[in-house]
Protein backbone atom coordinates (compact mmCIF):
# COMPACT_ATOMS: atom_id res chain seq x y z
CA MET A 1 -0.08 0.48 -0.33
CA THR A 2 1.08 3.41 -0.92
CA LYS A 3 1.21 6.64 1.30
CA ARG A 4 -1.67 8.01 -0.78
CA GLU A 5 -3.76 4.81 0.53
CA ILE A 6 -3.17 4.52 3.57
CA ARG A 7 -4.11 7.79 4.30
CA LEU A 8 -7.10 7.66 2.69
CA LEU A 9 -8.01 4.41 4.58
CA ALA A 10 -7.32 6.56 7.82
CA VAL A 11 -9.61 9.25 6.58
CA ALA A 12 -12.83 6.70 5.92
CA CYS A 13 -12.31 4.54 8.56
CA THR A 14 -12.54 8.03 10.80
CA PHE A 15 -15.44 9.31 8.53
CA ILE A 16 -17.75 5.82 9.10
CA GLY A 17 -16.59 6.40 13.13
CA ILE A 18 -17.95 9.53 13.19
CA VAL A 19 -21.04 8.76 11.11
CA LEU A 20 -21.42 5.31 13.78
CA GLY A 21 -20.86 7.50 16.69
CA PHE A 22 -24.40 9.69 15.97
CA LEU A 23 -26.17 6.88 14.75
CA ILE A 24 -25.58 5.28 18.22
CA ALA A 25 -25.33 8.00 20.30
CA PRO A 26 -27.36 7.97 23.69
CA ILE A 27 -28.98 11.20 22.69
CA LYS A 28 -30.92 10.31 20.08
CA ALA A 29 -32.58 7.43 22.65
CA GLY A 30 -33.90 10.19 24.74
CA VAL A 31 -31.20 10.17 27.59
CA SER A 32 -31.01 14.33 28.61
CA CYS A 33 -27.91 15.45 29.14
CA GLY A 34 -27.83 18.24 31.02
CA ASN A 35 -29.27 20.25 34.50
CA ASN A 36 -32.83 19.66 34.43
CA ASN A 37 -33.90 21.81 37.38
CA THR A 38 -37.23 23.16 35.97
CA ILE A 39 -39.70 23.60 38.68
CA THR A 40 -43.21 22.73 37.38
CA ASN A 41 -46.45 22.34 38.77
CA THR A 42 -47.62 19.61 37.10
CA GLU A 43 -51.02 19.29 39.75
CA ASN A 44 -53.28 22.05 38.49
CA PRO A 45 -51.10 24.51 35.94
CA ARG A 46 -54.24 26.90 37.05
CA LYS A 47 -53.81 27.02 40.88
CA ASN A 48 -50.86 29.32 41.23
CA ARG A 49 -52.75 31.73 38.62
CA LYS A 50 -53.69 35.37 40.23
């Protein structure tokens, strides 16, 4: 293999890895990453209105 073929193979493997990483990423499955510190009133949303 020539140096050019080795570089092409390395670049192709890198891009295939990136694409596969996006396809099987946990964020796609609905896993939330972050600080979800929101206060919500799920009981009765109109209860606190004045």
